[in-house]
Amino acid sequence: MKTALFSVWSILNCNLSLGNLFTSSVAFGQQRSSTENEPIKVAYQGEPGAYSEKSTRELLGKMVNTVGRPNFEACYKAVMSKECDYACVPVENSLGGSIHENYDLMLRYDLTIVAEHDFRVHHCLSAKNGVKKNDIKFAISHPQALAQCDNYLRANGITPIPTYDTAGSAKMISEDDLPPGCTVENTAAIAS
């Protein structure tokens, strides 16, 4: 599968053979009243290992407590309730398009973008040990990752099945907790 280059906003004149362009933004709620030595808490959508968590760590370093949330709105709510100091969410993707949900949520929750980050990802087609590529009939992943890999999936006769998260899809395979029709013998995850 192709390497994807995530970059600030949609740089449409970039050589798309490099892959995918993406913006990961950090949305800020209100000033916190903690000491500088205390790690900040950043909400992200997904399971540990999700691209948003990796983007957060790459942007803000190791002194960050990342807090996975089941969906984007839960990230915004975590900032508004002061459970988290920030939320790191994707907002733009040149192959999959804008993440309209996050633009809408920024308006609804009145959060401000305080930083943007270029993030490079490598999508992998991951399956249980022993599964041959020819046996893979289904790929599970976040809808954006599936959109980014659409040409690859079509060329290999693999049916995309959207799930809540890239890292979560890998977890679903490892736990044999798969959508109907999928088995660990015929399904792979698109993840990092």
Protein backbone atom coordinates (compact mmCIF):
# COMPACT_ATOMS: atom_id res chain seq x y z
CA MET A 1 0.00 0.00 0.00
CA LYS A 2 1.12 3.58 -0.59
CA THR A 3 2.70 5.86 1.95
CA ALA A 4 0.53 8.83 2.79
CA LEU A 5 1.90 12.30 3.44
CA PHE A 6 -0.30 14.34 5.74
CA SER A 7 0.24 18.09 5.46
CA VAL A 8 -1.25 21.40 6.54
CA TRP A 9 -4.59 22.06 4.87
CA SER A 10 -5.21 20.76 1.39
CA ILE A 11 -2.14 21.29 -0.76
CA LEU A 12 -3.75 20.30 -4.02
CA ASN A 13 -0.77 20.99 -6.25
CA CYS A 14 1.39 18.43 -4.45
CA ASN A 15 2.55 15.34 -6.33
CA LEU A 16 -0.20 12.92 -5.34
CA SER A 17 2.04 9.95 -6.04
CA LEU A 18 3.42 10.73 -2.60
CA GLY A 19 0.01 9.84 -1.27
CA ASN A 20 -2.36 11.68 0.92
CA LEU A 21 -2.38 15.20 2.34
CA PHE A 22 -4.00 15.76 5.68
CA THR A 23 -4.24 18.38 8.42
CA SER A 24 -4.35 17.43 12.05
CA SER A 25 -5.41 20.36 14.21
CA VAL A 26 -5.35 20.83 17.93
CA ALA A 27 -8.50 22.52 19.18
CA PHE A 28 -8.28 24.44 22.45
CA GLY A 29 -11.01 25.11 24.99
CA GLN A 30 -10.05 27.36 27.89
CA GLN A 31 -6.85 28.21 29.74
CA ARG A 32 -5.89 25.59 32.28
CA SER A 33 -4.69 26.35 35.76
CA SER A 34 -2.05 23.68 36.24
CA THR A 35 1.69 23.84 36.72
CA GLU A 36 4.03 23.74 33.74
CA ASN A 37 5.46 20.39 34.87
CA GLU A 38 2.08 18.69 34.79
CA PRO A 39 1.40 16.88 31.50
CA ILE A 40 -1.40 18.28 29.41
CA LYS A 41 -4.36 16.04 28.59
CA VAL A 42 -5.26 15.73 24.93
CA ALA A 43 -8.37 13.96 23.64
CA TYR A 44 -8.22 12.12 20.33
CA GLN A 45 -10.67 9.90 18.46
CA GLY A 46 -9.84 6.22 18.59
CA GLU A 47 -7.88 3.50 20.32
CA PRO A 48 -4.26 3.73 21.48
CA GLY A 49 -2.07 3.74 18.39
CA ALA A 50 -4.60 5.65 16.24
CA TYR A 51 -3.16 8.20 13.83
CA SER A 52 -4.61 11.07 15.87
CA GLU A 53 -2.79 9.84 18.97
CA LYS A 54 0.45 9.50 17.02
CA SER A 55 -0.01 13.00 15.58
CA THR A 56 -0.59 14.35 19.10
CA ARG A 57 2.60 12.78 20.42
CA GLU A 58 4.64 13.91 17.43
CA LEU A 59 3.39 17.48 17.81
CA LEU A 60 3.43 17.83 21.59
CA GLY A 61 6.07 15.35 22.74
CA LYS A 62 6.14 12.74 25.46
CA MET A 63 4.82 14.90 28.32
CA VAL A 64 1.25 14.46 27.14
CA ASN A 65 -1.51 12.31 28.55
CA THR A 66 -3.56 11.16 25.58
CA VAL A 67 -7.20 10.26 26.14
CA GLY A 68 -8.91 8.11 23.49
CA ARG A 69 -12.55 8.85 22.77
CA PRO A 70 -15.07 6.85 20.72
CA ASN A 71 -15.89 9.67 18.27
CA PHE A 72 -14.97 13.23 17.35
CA GLU A 73 -17.79 14.87 19.28
CA ALA A 74 -16.64 13.14 22.48
CA CYS A 75 -13.27 14.84 21.97
CA TYR A 76 -14.88 18.26 21.78
CA LYS A 77 -17.02 17.54 24.83
CA ALA A 78 -13.91 16.48 26.77
CA VAL A 79 -12.36 19.90 26.13
CA MET A 80 -15.54 21.85 26.87
CA SER A 81 -16.03 20.00 30.17
CA LYS A 82 -12.35 20.65 31.03
CA GLU A 83 -11.73 16.90 31.32
CA CYS A 84 -9.01 17.50 28.70
CA ASP A 85 -6.98 20.58 27.88
CA TYR A 86 -6.96 20.05 24.11
CA ALA A 87 -8.33 17.81 21.38
CA CYS A 88 -6.28 16.68 18.39
CA VAL A 89 -8.58 16.00 15.43
CA PRO A 90 -8.13 15.66 11.66
CA VAL A 91 -9.70 18.40 9.56
CA GLU A 92 -8.47 18.07 5.98
CA ASN A 93 -7.52 15.25 3.67
CA SER A 94 -6.74 15.71 -0.02
CA LEU A 95 -7.68 12.15 -1.00
CA GLY A 96 -10.66 11.65 1.31
CA GLY A 97 -11.64 15.33 1.41
CA SER A 98 -12.46 17.62 4.30
CA ILE A 99 -13.50 16.11 7.59
CA HIS A 100 -16.75 18.12 7.59
CA GLU A 101 -17.85 16.69 10.91
CA ASN A 102 -14.91 18.38 12.65
CA TYR A 103 -15.53 21.73 10.97
CA ASP A 104 -19.16 21.55 12.11
CA LEU A 105 -18.12 20.57 15.63
CA MET A 106 -15.67 23.49 15.84
CA LEU A 107 -18.57 25.85 15.21
CA ARG A 108 -20.95 24.04 17.55
CA TYR A 109 -18.48 23.92 20.44
CA ASP A 110 -16.73 27.24 19.70
CA LEU A 111 -13.19 25.86 20.01
CA THR A 112 -10.22 27.57 18.42
CA ILE A 113 -7.41 25.98 16.44
CA VAL A 114 -4.14 26.79 18.21
CA ALA A 115 -1.76 24.55 16.25
CA GLU A 116 -1.62 22.51 13.08
CA HIS A 117 0.66 19.62 12.35
CA ASP A 118 1.96 17.85 9.25
CA PHE A 119 1.83 14.13 9.84
CA ARG A 120 3.12 11.33 7.64
CA VAL A 121 1.47 7.94 7.88
CA HIS A 122 2.04 4.55 6.38
CA HIS A 123 -1.12 2.53 5.90
CA CYS A 124 -0.62 -1.19 6.34
CA LEU A 125 -2.90 -4.06 5.46
CA SER A 126 -2.68 -6.11 8.65
CA ALA A 127 -4.04 -9.62 9.18
CA LYS A 128 -3.51 -12.48 11.60
CA ASN A 129 -0.37 -14.55 11.12
CA GLY A 130 -0.81 -17.18 8.44
CA VAL A 131 -3.47 -15.31 6.44
CA LYS A 132 -2.44 -15.04 2.79
CA LYS A 133 -3.10 -11.85 0.84
CA ASN A 134 -5.20 -13.80 -1.70
CA ASP A 135 -7.52 -14.96 1.11
CA ILE A 136 -8.37 -11.40 2.21
CA LYS A 137 -11.89 -10.52 1.07
CA PHE A 138 -12.66 -7.67 3.48
CA ALA A 139 -10.74 -4.69 4.88
CA ILE A 140 -11.97 -2.94 8.01
CA SER A 141 -10.89 0.54 9.04
CA HIS A 142 -11.97 4.11 9.66
CA PRO A 143 -13.89 5.50 6.63
CA GLN A 144 -11.11 8.00 5.86
CA ALA A 145 -8.45 5.26 5.71
CA LEU A 146 -10.70 3.18 3.46
CA ALA A 147 -11.18 6.17 1.16
CA GLN A 148 -7.44 6.75 1.05
CA CYS A 149 -6.83 3.12 0.06
CA ASP A 150 -9.79 2.76 -2.31
CA ASN A 151 -7.70 2.17 -5.45
CA TYR A 152 -5.64 -0.53 -3.75
CA LEU A 153 -8.70 -2.30 -2.35
CA ARG A 154 -10.52 -2.24 -5.71
CA ALA A 155 -7.47 -3.51 -7.57
CA ASN A 156 -7.23 -6.46 -5.18
CA GLY A 157 -10.95 -7.28 -5.01
CA ILE A 158 -11.17 -6.41 -1.31
CA THR A 159 -14.47 -5.09 0.03
CA PRO A 160 -14.12 -2.12 2.42
CA ILE A 161 -16.10 -2.19 5.66
CA PRO A 162 -16.08 1.02 7.74
CA THR A 163 -15.44 0.82 11.45
CA TYR A 164 -14.79 3.44 14.11
CA ASP A 165 -10.99 3.61 14.01
CA THR A 166 -7.80 2.39 12.30
CA ALA A 167 -6.15 1.09 15.48
CA GLY A 168 -9.53 -0.15 16.67
CA SER A 169 -9.83 -2.25 13.51
CA ALA A 170 -6.55 -3.98 14.28
CA LYS A 171 -7.84 -4.57 17.80
CA MET A 172 -11.06 -6.06 16.40
CA ILE A 173 -9.04 -8.59 14.37
CA SER A 174 -6.81 -9.49 17.31
CA GLU A 175 -9.90 -10.07 19.48
CA ASP A 176 -11.90 -11.83 16.71
CA ASP A 177 -14.67 -9.24 17.19
CA LEU A 178 -15.56 -8.72 13.54
CA PRO A 179 -18.55 -7.48 11.51
CA PRO A 180 -20.96 -10.06 10.06
CA GLY A 181 -19.42 -12.15 7.26
CA CYS A 182 -15.89 -11.30 8.34
CA THR A 183 -13.57 -13.85 9.90
CA VAL A 184 -9.95 -13.63 10.98
CA GLU A 185 -9.18 -15.81 7.94
CA ASN A 186 -10.74 -13.44 5.35
CA THR A 187 -10.37 -9.98 6.90
CA ALA A 188 -7.55 -7.50 7.32
CA ALA A 189 -7.35 -4.08 8.96
CA ILE A 190 -5.98 -0.94 7.39
CA ALA A 191 -3.96 0.57 10.19
CA SER A 192 -0.49 1.84 11.06
